[in-house]
PDB file of N, CA and C in Angstrom:
ATOM      1  N   GLU A   1     -52.273   0.283 -37.122  1.00  0.00           N
ATOM      2  CA  GLU A   1     -52.987  -0.835 -36.536  1.00  0.00           C
ATOM      3  C   GLU A   1     -52.512  -0.990 -35.095  1.00  0.00           C
ATOM      4  N   ILE A   2     -53.454  -1.140 -34.165  1.00  0.00           N
ATOM      5  CA  ILE A   2     -53.126  -1.271 -32.741  1.00  0.00           C
ATOM      6  C   ILE A   2     -53.569  -2.648 -32.260  1.00  0.00           C
ATOM      7  N   PHE A   3     -52.700  -3.301 -31.536  1.00  0.00           N
ATOM      8  CA  PHE A   3     -53.011  -4.599 -30.945  1.00  0.00           C
ATOM      9  C   PHE A   3     -53.000  -4.457 -29.429  1.00  0.00           C
ATOM     10  N   ASN A   4     -53.966  -5.071 -28.790  1.00  0.00           N
ATOM     11  CA  ASN A   4     -54.029  -5.066 -27.334  1.00  0.00           C
ATOM     12  C   ASN A   4     -54.197  -6.507 -26.879  1.00  0.00           C
ATOM     13  N   THR A   5     -53.403  -6.927 -25.922  1.00  0.00           N
ATOM     14  CA  THR A   5     -53.537  -8.279 -25.400  1.00  0.00           C
ATOM     15  C   THR A   5     -53.952  -8.209 -23.936  1.00  0.00           C
ATOM     16  N   TYR A   6     -54.820  -9.092 -23.563  1.00  0.00           N
ATOM     17  CA  TYR A   6     -55.313  -9.152 -22.196  1.00  0.00           C
ATOM     18  C   TYR A   6     -54.673 -10.299 -21.422  1.00  0.00           C
ATOM     19  N   GLY A   7     -53.830 -11.066 -22.079  1.00  0.00           N
ATOM     20  CA  GLY A   7     -53.212 -12.218 -21.431  1.00  0.00           C
ATOM     21  C   GLY A   7     -54.081 -13.447 -21.600  1.00  0.00           C
ATOM     22  N   GLU A   8     -53.637 -14.540 -21.036  1.00  0.00           N
ATOM     23  CA  GLU A   8     -54.371 -15.808 -21.129  1.00  0.00           C
ATOM     24  C   GLU A   8     -55.283 -15.948 -19.913  1.00  0.00           C
ATOM     25  N   HIS A   9     -56.586 -15.789 -20.127  1.00  0.00           N
ATOM     26  CA  HIS A   9     -57.564 -15.850 -19.041  1.00  0.00           C
ATOM     27  C   HIS A   9     -58.782 -16.644 -19.482  1.00  0.00           C
ATOM     28  N   ASP A  10     -59.468 -17.225 -18.494  1.00  0.00           N
ATOM     29  CA  ASP A  10     -60.745 -17.868 -18.802  1.00  0.00           C
ATOM     30  C   ASP A  10     -61.813 -16.787 -18.940  1.00  0.00           C
ATOM     31  N   ASN A  11     -62.990 -17.174 -19.417  1.00  0.00           N
ATOM     32  CA  ASN A  11     -64.055 -16.192 -19.661  1.00  0.00           C
ATOM     33  C   ASN A  11     -64.526 -15.500 -18.389  1.00  0.00           C
ATOM     34  N   ARG A  12     -64.484 -16.196 -17.282  1.00  0.00           N
ATOM     35  CA  ARG A  12     -64.905 -15.594 -16.018  1.00  0.00           C
ATOM     36  C   ARG A  12     -64.029 -14.380 -15.703  1.00  0.00           C
ATOM     37  N   THR A  13     -62.727 -14.537 -15.853  1.00  0.00           N
ATOM     38  CA  THR A  13     -61.796 -13.443 -15.577  1.00  0.00           C
ATOM     39  C   THR A  13     -61.945 -12.329 -16.606  1.00  0.00           C
ATOM     40  N   LEU A  14     -62.072 -12.698 -17.874  1.00  0.00           N
ATOM     41  CA  LEU A  14     -62.242 -11.679 -18.913  1.00  0.00           C
ATOM     42  C   LEU A  14     -63.493 -10.844 -18.666  1.00  0.00           C
ATOM     43  N   LEU A  15     -64.589 -11.500 -18.314  1.00  0.00           N
ATOM     44  CA  LEU A  15     -65.834 -10.772 -18.071  1.00  0.00           C
ATOM     45  C   LEU A  15     -65.720  -9.874 -16.840  1.00  0.00           C
ATOM     46  N   ALA A  16     -65.148 -10.398 -15.768  1.00  0.00           N
ATOM     47  CA  ALA A  16     -65.040  -9.628 -14.532  1.00  0.00           C
ATOM     48  C   ALA A  16     -64.117  -8.420 -14.674  1.00  0.00           C
ATOM     49  N   HIS A  17     -63.014  -8.584 -15.402  1.00  0.00           N
ATOM     50  CA  HIS A  17     -62.029  -7.504 -15.475  1.00  0.00           C
ATOM     51  C   HIS A  17     -62.158  -6.618 -16.707  1.00  0.00           C
ATOM     52  N   TYR A  18     -62.640  -7.190 -17.810  1.00  0.00           N
ATOM     53  CA  TYR A  18     -62.626  -6.426 -19.061  1.00  0.00           C
ATOM     54  C   TYR A  18     -63.994  -6.273 -19.729  1.00  0.00           C
ATOM     55  N   GLY A  19     -65.002  -6.997 -19.223  1.00  0.00           N
ATOM     56  CA  GLY A  19     -66.357  -6.813 -19.728  1.00  0.00           C
ATOM     57  C   GLY A  19     -66.708  -7.564 -20.997  1.00  0.00           C
ATOM     58  N   PHE A  20     -65.940  -8.572 -21.375  1.00  0.00           N
ATOM     59  CA  PHE A  20     -66.282  -9.368 -22.553  1.00  0.00           C
ATOM     60  C   PHE A  20     -65.855 -10.823 -22.342  1.00  0.00           C
ATOM     61  N   THR A  21     -66.361 -11.697 -23.209  1.00  0.00           N
ATOM     62  CA  THR A  21     -65.964 -13.107 -23.209  1.00  0.00           C
ATOM     63  C   THR A  21     -65.633 -13.525 -24.639  1.00  0.00           C
ATOM     64  N   LEU A  22     -64.975 -14.661 -24.762  1.00  0.00           N
ATOM     65  CA  LEU A  22     -64.637 -15.223 -26.076  1.00  0.00           C
ATOM     66  C   LEU A  22     -65.471 -16.476 -26.304  1.00  0.00           C
ATOM     67  N   ALA A  23     -66.037 -16.606 -27.486  1.00  0.00           N
ATOM     68  CA  ALA A  23     -66.901 -17.754 -27.786  1.00  0.00           C
ATOM     69  C   ALA A  23     -66.148 -19.080 -27.710  1.00  0.00           C
ATOM     70  N   GLU A  24     -64.943 -19.136 -28.188  1.00  0.00           N
ATOM     71  CA  GLU A  24     -64.160 -20.381 -28.214  1.00  0.00           C
ATOM     72  C   GLU A  24     -62.894 -20.236 -27.383  1.00  0.00           C
ATOM     73  N   ASN A  25     -63.025 -19.915 -26.132  1.00  0.00           N
ATOM     74  CA  ASN A  25     -61.886 -19.725 -25.247  1.00  0.00           C
ATOM     75  C   ASN A  25     -61.431 -21.088 -24.714  1.00  0.00           C
ATOM     76  N   VAL A  26     -60.252 -21.535 -25.132  1.00  0.00           N
ATOM     77  CA  VAL A  26     -59.750 -22.846 -24.702  1.00  0.00           C
ATOM     78  C   VAL A  26     -59.421 -22.874 -23.213  1.00  0.00           C
ATOM     79  N   LEU A  27     -59.282 -21.722 -22.608  1.00  0.00           N
ATOM     80  CA  LEU A  27     -58.995 -21.649 -21.175  1.00  0.00           C
ATOM     81  C   LEU A  27     -60.262 -21.582 -20.334  1.00  0.00           C
ATOM     82  N   ASP A  28     -61.404 -21.598 -20.979  1.00  0.00           N
ATOM     83  CA  ASP A  28     -62.667 -21.458 -20.267  1.00  0.00           C
ATOM     84  C   ASP A  28     -62.967 -22.701 -19.440  1.00  0.00           C
ATOM     85  N   THR A  29     -63.525 -22.484 -18.278  1.00  0.00           N
ATOM     86  CA  THR A  29     -63.910 -23.572 -17.382  1.00  0.00           C
ATOM     87  C   THR A  29     -65.267 -23.269 -16.773  1.00  0.00           C
ATOM     88  N   ALA A  30     -65.919 -24.299 -16.309  1.00  0.00           N
ATOM     89  CA  ALA A  30     -67.154 -24.146 -15.533  1.00  0.00           C
ATOM     90  C   ALA A  30     -66.815 -24.505 -14.096  1.00  0.00           C
ATOM     91  N   HIS A  31     -67.269 -23.704 -13.174  1.00  0.00           N
ATOM     92  CA  HIS A  31     -66.931 -23.901 -11.766  1.00  0.00           C
ATOM     93  C   HIS A  31     -68.108 -24.488 -11.004  1.00  0.00           C
ATOM     94  N   LEU A  32     -67.821 -25.484 -10.200  1.00  0.00           N
ATOM     95  CA  LEU A  32     -68.817 -26.112  -9.350  1.00  0.00           C
ATOM     96  C   LEU A  32     -68.405 -25.874  -7.907  1.00  0.00           C
ATOM     97  N   PRO A  33     -69.142 -25.050  -7.187  1.00  0.00           N
ATOM     98  CA  PRO A  33     -68.752 -24.781  -5.808  1.00  0.00           C
ATOM     99  C   PRO A  33     -68.902 -26.035  -4.941  1.00  0.00           C
ATOM    100  N   PRO A  34     -68.017 -26.200  -3.963  1.00  0.00           N
ATOM    101  CA  PRO A  34     -68.098 -27.367  -3.074  1.00  0.00           C
ATOM    102  C   PRO A  34     -69.455 -27.509  -2.392  1.00  0.00           C
ATOM    103  N   SER A  35     -70.138 -26.398  -2.147  1.00  0.00           N
ATOM    104  CA  SER A  35     -71.438 -26.478  -1.482  1.00  0.00           C
ATOM    105  C   SER A  35     -72.444 -27.269  -2.319  1.00  0.00           C
ATOM    106  N   SER A  36     -72.316 -27.226  -3.646  1.00  0.00           N
ATOM    107  CA  SER A  36     -73.219 -28.009  -4.507  1.00  0.00           C
ATOM    108  C   SER A  36     -72.997 -29.502  -4.328  1.00  0.00           C
ATOM    109  N   ILE A  37     -71.749 -29.895  -4.202  1.00  0.00           N
ATOM    110  CA  ILE A  37     -71.441 -31.307  -3.972  1.00  0.00           C
ATOM    111  C   ILE A  37     -71.944 -31.722  -2.600  1.00  0.00           C
ATOM    112  N   GLU A  38     -71.732 -30.866  -1.626  1.00  0.00           N
ATOM    113  CA  GLU A  38     -72.185 -31.147  -0.267  1.00  0.00           C
ATOM    114  C   GLU A  38     -73.710 -31.305  -0.222  1.00  0.00           C
ATOM    115  N   GLU A  39     -74.439 -30.442  -0.907  1.00  0.00           N
ATOM    116  CA  GLU A  39     -75.901 -30.529  -0.937  1.00  0.00           C
ATOM    117  C   GLU A  39     -76.365 -31.820  -1.612  1.00  0.00           C
ATOM    118  N   ALA A  40     -75.710 -32.195  -2.701  1.00  0.00           N
ATOM    119  CA  ALA A  40     -76.081 -33.427  -3.404  1.00  0.00           C
ATOM    120  C   ALA A  40     -75.815 -34.652  -2.535  1.00  0.00           C
ATOM    121  N   LEU A  41     -74.680 -34.674  -1.852  1.00  0.00           N
ATOM    122  CA  LEU A  41     -74.369 -35.802  -0.968  1.00  0.00           C
ATOM    123  C   LEU A  41     -75.336 -35.855   0.218  1.00  0.00           C
ATOM    124  N   ALA A  42     -75.692 -34.692   0.756  1.00  0.00           N
ATOM    125  CA  ALA A  42     -76.632 -34.649   1.878  1.00  0.00           C
ATOM    126  C   ALA A  42     -78.009 -35.144   1.454  1.00  0.00           C
ATOM    127  N   SER A  43     -78.413 -34.855   0.227  1.00  0.00           N
ATOM    128  CA  SER A  43     -79.723 -35.334  -0.224  1.00  0.00           C
ATOM    129  C   SER A  43     -79.706 -36.844  -0.464  1.00  0.00           C
ATOM    130  N   THR A  44     -78.540 -37.389  -0.757  1.00  0.00           N
ATOM    131  CA  THR A  44     -78.418 -38.835  -0.976  1.00  0.00           C
ATOM    132  C   THR A  44     -78.273 -39.597   0.337  1.00  0.00           C
ATOM    133  N   LEU A  45     -77.394 -39.101   1.200  1.00  0.00           N
ATOM    134  CA  LEU A  45     -77.077 -39.805   2.445  1.00  0.00           C
ATOM    135  C   LEU A  45     -77.895 -39.331   3.642  1.00  0.00           C
ATOM    136  N   GLY A  46     -78.351 -38.110   3.584  1.00  0.00           N
ATOM    137  CA  GLY A  46     -78.931 -37.464   4.756  1.00  0.00           C
ATOM    138  C   GLY A  46     -77.842 -36.626   5.404  1.00  0.00           C
ATOM    139  N   ALA A  47     -78.213 -35.491   5.957  1.00  0.00           N
ATOM    140  CA  ALA A  47     -77.232 -34.554   6.513  1.00  0.00           C
ATOM    141  C   ALA A  47     -76.440 -35.165   7.666  1.00  0.00           C
ATOM    142  N   ARG A  48     -77.122 -35.882   8.532  1.00  0.00           N
ATOM    143  CA  ARG A  48     -76.447 -36.477   9.694  1.00  0.00           C
ATOM    144  C   ARG A  48     -75.422 -37.520   9.260  1.00  0.00           C
ATOM    145  N   GLU A  49     -75.812 -38.382   8.330  1.00  0.00           N
ATOM    146  CA  GLU A  49     -74.896 -39.426   7.858  1.00  0.00           C
ATOM    147  C   GLU A  49     -73.715 -38.806   7.114  1.00  0.00           C
ATOM    148  N   LEU A  50     -73.961 -37.753   6.342  1.00  0.00           N
ATOM    149  CA  LEU A  50     -72.871 -37.086   5.648  1.00  0.00           C
ATOM    150  C   LEU A  50     -71.879 -36.515   6.656  1.00  0.00           C
ATOM    151  N   ARG A  51     -72.369 -35.864   7.708  1.00  0.00           N
ATOM    152  CA  ARG A  51     -71.473 -35.321   8.733  1.00  0.00           C
ATOM    153  C   ARG A  51     -70.651 -36.426   9.378  1.00  0.00           C
ATOM    154  N   ARG A  52     -71.284 -37.569   9.660  1.00  0.00           N
ATOM    155  CA  ARG A  52     -70.572 -38.690  10.275  1.00  0.00           C
ATOM    156  C   ARG A  52     -69.467 -39.194   9.347  1.00  0.00           C
ATOM    157  N   ARG A  53     -69.808 -39.362   8.078  1.00  0.00           N
ATOM    158  CA  ARG A  53     -68.814 -39.861   7.123  1.00  0.00           C
ATOM    159  C   ARG A  53     -67.686 -38.855   6.917  1.00  0.00           C
ATOM    160  N   CYS A  54     -68.011 -37.578   6.920  1.00  0.00           N
ATOM    161  CA  CYS A  54     -66.965 -36.553   6.808  1.00  0.00           C
ATOM    162  C   CYS A  54     -66.033 -36.608   8.017  1.00  0.00           C
ATOM    163  N   ARG A  55     -66.601 -36.769   9.211  1.00  0.00           N
ATOM    164  CA  ARG A  55     -65.760 -36.892  10.412  1.00  0.00           C
ATOM    165  C   ARG A  55     -64.847 -38.110  10.305  1.00  0.00           C
ATOM    166  N   ASP A  56     -65.413 -39.246   9.885  1.00  0.00           N
ATOM    167  CA  ASP A  56     -64.611 -40.463   9.747  1.00  0.00           C
ATOM    168  C   ASP A  56     -63.494 -40.270   8.730  1.00  0.00           C
ATOM    169  N   LEU A  57     -63.824 -39.658   7.616  1.00  0.00           N
ATOM    170  CA  LEU A  57     -62.828 -39.444   6.571  1.00  0.00           C
ATOM    171  C   LEU A  57     -61.772 -38.442   7.023  1.00  0.00           C
ATOM    172  N   ALA A  58     -62.172 -37.439   7.791  1.00  0.00           N
ATOM    173  CA  ALA A  58     -61.242 -36.401   8.258  1.00  0.00           C
ATOM    174  C   ALA A  58     -60.205 -36.952   9.224  1.00  0.00           C
ATOM    175  N   ARG A  59     -60.466 -38.088   9.802  1.00  0.00           N
ATOM    176  CA  ARG A  59     -59.498 -38.694  10.723  1.00  0.00           C
ATOM    177  C   ARG A  59     -58.284 -39.243   9.989  1.00  0.00           C
ATOM    178  N   ARG A  60     -58.394 -39.339   8.676  1.00  0.00           N
ATOM    179  CA  ARG A  60     -57.303 -39.879   7.870  1.00  0.00           C
ATOM    180  C   ARG A  60     -56.644 -38.741   7.112  1.00  0.00           C
ATOM    181  N   ARG A  61     -55.338 -38.794   6.994  1.00  0.00           N
ATOM    182  CA  ARG A  61     -54.612 -37.710   6.331  1.00  0.00           C
ATOM    183  C   ARG A  61     -55.094 -37.495   4.895  1.00  0.00           C
ATOM    184  N   CYS A  62     -55.263 -38.567   4.151  1.00  0.00           N
ATOM    185  CA  CYS A  62     -55.726 -38.414   2.762  1.00  0.00           C
ATOM    186  C   CYS A  62     -57.140 -37.857   2.728  1.00  0.00           C
ATOM    187  N   GLY A  63     -57.949 -38.201   3.714  1.00  0.00           N
ATOM    188  CA  GLY A  63     -59.313 -37.694   3.787  1.00  0.00           C
ATOM    189  C   GLY A  63     -59.362 -36.206   4.060  1.00  0.00           C
ATOM    190  N   ARG A  64     -58.459 -35.720   4.883  1.00  0.00           N
ATOM    191  CA  ARG A  64     -58.422 -34.285   5.176  1.00  0.00           C
ATOM    192  C   ARG A  64     -58.143 -33.484   3.913  1.00  0.00           C
ATOM    193  N   ARG A  65     -57.260 -33.995   3.055  1.00  0.00           N
ATOM    194  CA  ARG A  65     -56.968 -33.287   1.800  1.00  0.00           C
ATOM    195  C   ARG A  65     -58.192 -33.278   0.882  1.00  0.00           C
ATOM    196  N   LEU A  66     -58.911 -34.388   0.830  1.00  0.00           N
ATOM    197  CA  LEU A  66     -60.109 -34.446  -0.012  1.00  0.00           C
ATOM    198  C   LEU A  66     -61.198 -33.513   0.494  1.00  0.00           C
ATOM    199  N   LEU A  67     -61.315 -33.416   1.815  1.00  0.00           N
ATOM    200  CA  LEU A  67     -62.386 -32.619   2.410  1.00  0.00           C
ATOM    201  C   LEU A  67     -62.074 -31.131   2.479  1.00  0.00           C
ATOM    202  N   ALA A  68     -60.844 -30.731   2.216  1.00  0.00           N
ATOM    203  CA  ALA A  68     -60.453 -29.321   2.359  1.00  0.00           C
ATOM    204  C   ALA A  68     -61.375 -28.355   1.616  1.00  0.00           C
ATOM    205  N   PRO A  69     -61.760 -28.611   0.357  1.00  0.00           N
ATOM    206  CA  PRO A  69     -62.666 -27.657  -0.314  1.00  0.00           C
ATOM    207  C   PRO A  69     -64.037 -27.561   0.363  1.00  0.00           C
ATOM    208  N   LEU A  70     -64.547 -28.660   0.908  1.00  0.00           N
ATOM    209  CA  LEU A  70     -65.844 -28.598   1.586  1.00  0.00           C
ATOM    210  C   LEU A  70     -65.728 -27.771   2.860  1.00  0.00           C
ATOM    211  N   ARG A  71     -64.644 -27.935   3.571  1.00  0.00           N
ATOM    212  CA  ARG A  71     -64.441 -27.173   4.806  1.00  0.00           C
ATOM    213  C   ARG A  71     -64.274 -25.685   4.493  1.00  0.00           C
ATOM    214  N   ALA A  72     -63.648 -25.363   3.376  1.00  0.00           N
ATOM    215  CA  ALA A  72     -63.420 -23.970   3.004  1.00  0.00           C
ATOM    216  C   ALA A  72     -64.700 -23.292   2.522  1.00  0.00           C
ATOM    217  N   SER A  73     -65.716 -24.078   2.167  1.00  0.00           N
ATOM    218  CA  SER A  73     -66.914 -23.485   1.570  1.00  0.00           C
ATOM    219  C   SER A  73     -67.658 -22.566   2.535  1.00  0.00           C
ATOM    220  N   ALA A  74     -67.327 -22.609   3.809  1.00  0.00           N
ATOM    221  CA  ALA A  74     -67.973 -21.725   4.770  1.00  0.00           C
ATOM    222  C   ALA A  74     -67.417 -20.305   4.697  1.00  0.00           C
ATOM    223  N   PHE A  75     -66.309 -20.112   3.992  1.00  0.00           N
ATOM    224  CA  PHE A  75     -65.673 -18.807   3.934  1.00  0.00           C
ATOM    225  C   PHE A  75     -66.071 -18.042   2.680  1.00  0.00           C
ATOM    226  N   ALA A  76     -65.884 -16.755   2.720  1.00  0.00           N
ATOM    227  CA  ALA A  76     -66.282 -15.898   1.598  1.00  0.00           C
ATOM    228  C   ALA A  76     -65.495 -16.199   0.332  1.00  0.00           C
ATOM    229  N   PHE A  77     -64.275 -16.693   0.471  1.00  0.00           N
ATOM    230  CA  PHE A  77     -63.451 -16.946  -0.699  1.00  0.00           C
ATOM    231  C   PHE A  77     -63.619 -18.365  -1.219  1.00  0.00           C
ATOM    232  N   ALA A  78     -64.702 -18.998  -0.880  1.00  0.00           N
ATOM    233  CA  ALA A  78     -64.896 -20.406  -1.241  1.00  0.00           C
ATOM    234  C   ALA A  78     -64.854 -20.647  -2.747  1.00  0.00           C
ATOM    235  N   PHE A  79     -65.237 -19.656  -3.546  1.00  0.00           N
ATOM    236  CA  PHE A  79     -65.251 -19.873  -4.988  1.00  0.00           C
ATOM    237  C   PHE A  79     -63.858 -20.175  -5.517  1.00  0.00           C
ATOM    238  N   ASP A  80     -62.825 -19.702  -4.811  1.00  0.00           N
ATOM    239  CA  ASP A  80     -61.457 -20.017  -5.212  1.00  0.00           C
ATOM    240  C   ASP A  80     -61.170 -21.507  -5.068  1.00  0.00           C
ATOM    241  N   PHE A  81     -61.957 -22.193  -4.252  1.00  0.00           N
ATOM    242  CA  PHE A  81     -61.772 -23.618  -4.031  1.00  0.00           C
ATOM    243  C   PHE A  81     -62.709 -24.455  -4.891  1.00  0.00           C
ATOM    244  N   ALA A  82     -63.454 -23.803  -5.775  1.00  0.00           N
ATOM    245  CA  ALA A  82     -64.419 -24.525  -6.597  1.00  0.00           C
ATOM    246  C   ALA A  82     -63.724 -25.532  -7.496  1.00  0.00           C
ATOM    247  N   TYR A  83     -64.448 -26.562  -7.825  1.00  0.00           N
ATOM    248  CA  TYR A  83     -63.941 -27.555  -8.757  1.00  0.00           C
ATOM    249  C   TYR A  83     -64.168 -27.024 -10.165  1.00  0.00           C
ATOM    250  N   ALA A  84     -63.171 -27.129 -10.998  1.00  0.00           N
ATOM    251  CA  ALA A  84     -63.254 -26.579 -12.352  1.00  0.00           C
ATOM    252  C   ALA A  84     -63.358 -27.703 -13.379  1.00  0.00           C
ATOM    253  N   PHE A  85     -64.347 -27.575 -14.241  1.00  0.00           N
ATOM    254  CA  PHE A  85     -64.518 -28.485 -15.373  1.00  0.00           C
ATOM    255  C   PHE A  85     -63.991 -27.768 -16.604  1.00  0.00           C
ATOM    256  N   ASP A  86     -63.096 -28.412 -17.351  1.00  0.00           N
ATOM    257  CA  ASP A  86     -62.618 -27.777 -18.570  1.00  0.00           C
ATOM    258  C   ASP A  86     -63.629 -28.029 -19.689  1.00  0.00           C
ATOM    259  N   ARG A  87     -63.304 -27.577 -20.878  1.00  0.00           N
ATOM    260  CA  ARG A  87     -64.239 -27.676 -22.001  1.00  0.00           C
ATOM    261  C   ARG A  87     -64.549 -29.115 -22.401  1.00  0.00           C
ATOM    262  N   SER A  88     -63.696 -30.065 -22.017  1.00  0.00           N
ATOM    263  CA  SER A  88     -63.959 -31.468 -22.363  1.00  0.00           C
ATOM    264  C   SER A  88     -65.149 -32.018 -21.588  1.00  0.00           C
ATOM    265  N   GLY A  89     -65.454 -31.412 -20.433  1.00  0.00           N
ATOM    266  CA  GLY A  89     -66.568 -31.874 -19.615  1.00  0.00           C
ATOM    267  C   GLY A  89     -66.227 -33.039 -18.707  1.00  0.00           C
ATOM    268  N   ALA A  90     -64.980 -33.465 -18.699  1.00  0.00           N
ATOM    269  CA  ALA A  90     -64.569 -34.573 -17.841  1.00  0.00           C
ATOM    270  C   ALA A  90     -64.689 -34.161 -16.372  1.00  0.00           C
ATOM    271  N   VAL A  91     -65.160 -35.076 -15.553  1.00  0.00           N
ATOM    272  CA  VAL A  91     -65.297 -34.796 -14.120  1.00  0.00           C
ATOM    273  C   VAL A  91     -63.897 -34.767 -13.505  1.00  0.00           C
ATOM    274  N   PRO A  92     -63.571 -33.715 -12.761  1.00  0.00           N
ATOM    275  CA  PRO A  92     -62.255 -33.645 -12.129  1.00  0.00           C
ATOM    276  C   PRO A  92     -62.037 -34.839 -11.194  1.00  0.00           C
ATOM    277  N   PRO A  93     -60.863 -35.446 -11.249  1.00  0.00           N
ATOM    278  CA  PRO A  93     -60.589 -36.624 -10.413  1.00  0.00           C
ATOM    279  C   PRO A  93     -60.825 -36.382  -8.929  1.00  0.00           C
ATOM    280  N   ARG A  94     -60.568 -35.180  -8.456  1.00  0.00           N
ATOM    281  CA  ARG A  94     -60.758 -34.909  -7.022  1.00  0.00           C
ATOM    282  C   ARG A  94     -62.227 -35.047  -6.615  1.00  0.00           C
ATOM    283  N   ILE A  95     -63.148 -34.656  -7.501  1.00  0.00           N
ATOM    284  CA  ILE A  95     -64.568 -34.843  -7.197  1.00  0.00           C
ATOM    285  C   ILE A  95     -64.898 -36.335  -7.136  1.00  0.00           C
ATOM    286  N   LEU A  96     -64.406 -37.084  -8.108  1.00  0.00           N
ATOM    287  CA  LEU A  96     -64.676 -38.524  -8.131  1.00  0.00           C
ATOM    288  C   LEU A  96     -64.165 -39.201  -6.871  1.00  0.00           C
ATOM    289  N   LEU A  97     -62.957 -38.854  -6.447  1.00  0.00           N
ATOM    290  CA  LEU A  97     -62.398 -39.453  -5.229  1.00  0.00           C
ATOM    291  C   LEU A  97     -63.219 -39.091  -3.998  1.00  0.00           C
ATOM    292  N   LEU A  98     -63.596 -37.820  -3.903  1.00  0.00           N
ATOM    293  CA  LEU A  98     -64.368 -37.370  -2.750  1.00  0.00           C
ATOM    294  C   LEU A  98     -65.714 -38.072  -2.676  1.00  0.00           C
ATOM    295  N   VAL A  99     -66.436 -38.097  -3.781  1.00  0.00           N
ATOM    296  CA  VAL A  99     -67.761 -38.724  -3.797  1.00  0.00           C
ATOM    297  C   VAL A  99     -67.652 -40.222  -3.535  1.00  0.00           C
ATOM    298  N   ARG A 100     -66.678 -40.853  -4.152  1.00  0.00           N
ATOM    299  CA  ARG A 100     -66.480 -42.295  -3.936  1.00  0.00           C
ATOM    300  C   ARG A 100     -66.175 -42.584  -2.469  1.00  0.00           C
ATOM    301  N   ALA A 101     -65.304 -41.783  -1.872  1.00  0.00           N
ATOM    302  CA  ALA A 101     -64.934 -41.991  -0.469  1.00  0.00           C
ATOM    303  C   ALA A 101     -66.129 -41.797   0.455  1.00  0.00           C
ATOM    304  N   LEU A 102     -66.965 -40.810   0.173  1.00  0.00           N
ATOM    305  CA  LEU A 102     -68.094 -40.537   1.064  1.00  0.00           C
ATOM    306  C   LEU A 102     -69.280 -41.469   0.838  1.00  0.00           C
ATOM    307  N   LEU A 103     -69.403 -42.028  -0.353  1.00  0.00           N
ATOM    308  CA  LEU A 103     -70.516 -42.935  -0.628  1.00  0.00           C
ATOM    309  C   LEU A 103     -70.168 -44.400  -0.391  1.00  0.00           C
ATOM    310  N   ALA A 104     -68.887 -44.690  -0.164  1.00  0.00           N
ATOM    311  CA  ALA A 104     -68.450 -46.076   0.024  1.00  0.00           C
ATOM    312  C   ALA A 104     -69.053 -46.656   1.302  1.00  0.00           C
ATOM    313  N   GLU A 105     -69.414 -47.920   1.248  1.00  0.00           N
ATOM    314  CA  GLU A 105     -69.933 -48.605   2.438  1.00  0.00           C
ATOM    315  C   GLU A 105     -68.847 -48.759   3.495  1.00  0.00           C
ATOM    316  N   GLU A 106     -67.624 -49.003   3.048  1.00  0.00           N
ATOM    317  CA  GLU A 106     -66.488 -49.108   3.956  1.00  0.00           C
ATOM    318  C   GLU A 106     -65.515 -47.987   3.621  1.00  0.00           C
ATOM    319  N   ALA A 107     -64.712 -47.608   4.599  1.00  0.00           N
ATOM    320  CA  ALA A 107     -63.714 -46.570   4.351  1.00  0.00           C
ATOM    321  C   ALA A 107     -62.724 -47.065   3.312  1.00  0.00           C
ATOM    322  N   PRO A 108     -62.505 -46.292   2.252  1.00  0.00           N
ATOM    323  CA  PRO A 108     -61.556 -46.712   1.221  1.00  0.00           C
ATOM    324  C   PRO A 108     -60.127 -46.659   1.739  1.00  0.00           C
ATOM    325  N   PRO A 109     -59.224 -47.395   1.108  1.00  0.00           N
ATOM    326  CA  PRO A 109     -57.818 -47.317   1.545  1.00  0.00           C
ATOM    327  C   PRO A 109     -57.258 -45.938   1.248  1.00  0.00           C
ATOM    328  N   CYS A 110     -56.264 -45.542   2.016  1.00  0.00           N
ATOM    329  CA  CYS A 110     -55.606 -44.256   1.770  1.00  0.00           C
ATOM    330  C   CYS A 110     -54.742 -44.391   0.523  1.00  0.00           C
ATOM    331  N   TRP A 111     -54.774 -43.359  -0.319  1.00  0.00           N
ATOM    332  CA  TRP A 111     -54.021 -43.425  -1.570  1.00  0.00           C
ATOM    333  C   TRP A 111     -52.664 -42.867  -1.380  1.00  0.00           C
TER     334      TRP A 111
END
């Protein structure tokens, strides 16, 4: 009997490197690229208003950290900065903070 282990990987990695996926992979995640969030916010606020709010938020240290994935989305490796949803489907806190900060009528306090 021969056993082969591929290590602990999500389905994306298993498919890319080994050509298969697992039906019940507890490490599996769904990735949401930052550009999708940016497009949704632009459709809600308008592109110009979104840019203004991003500039305002970027002036704050906590805002720069929140905006880092959106700024990275212009690069080829942007998928590495994607937001990951685990199998529970809970929205990652970083997405909630970013959307809340950009949709707020007033600038939120720095956390």
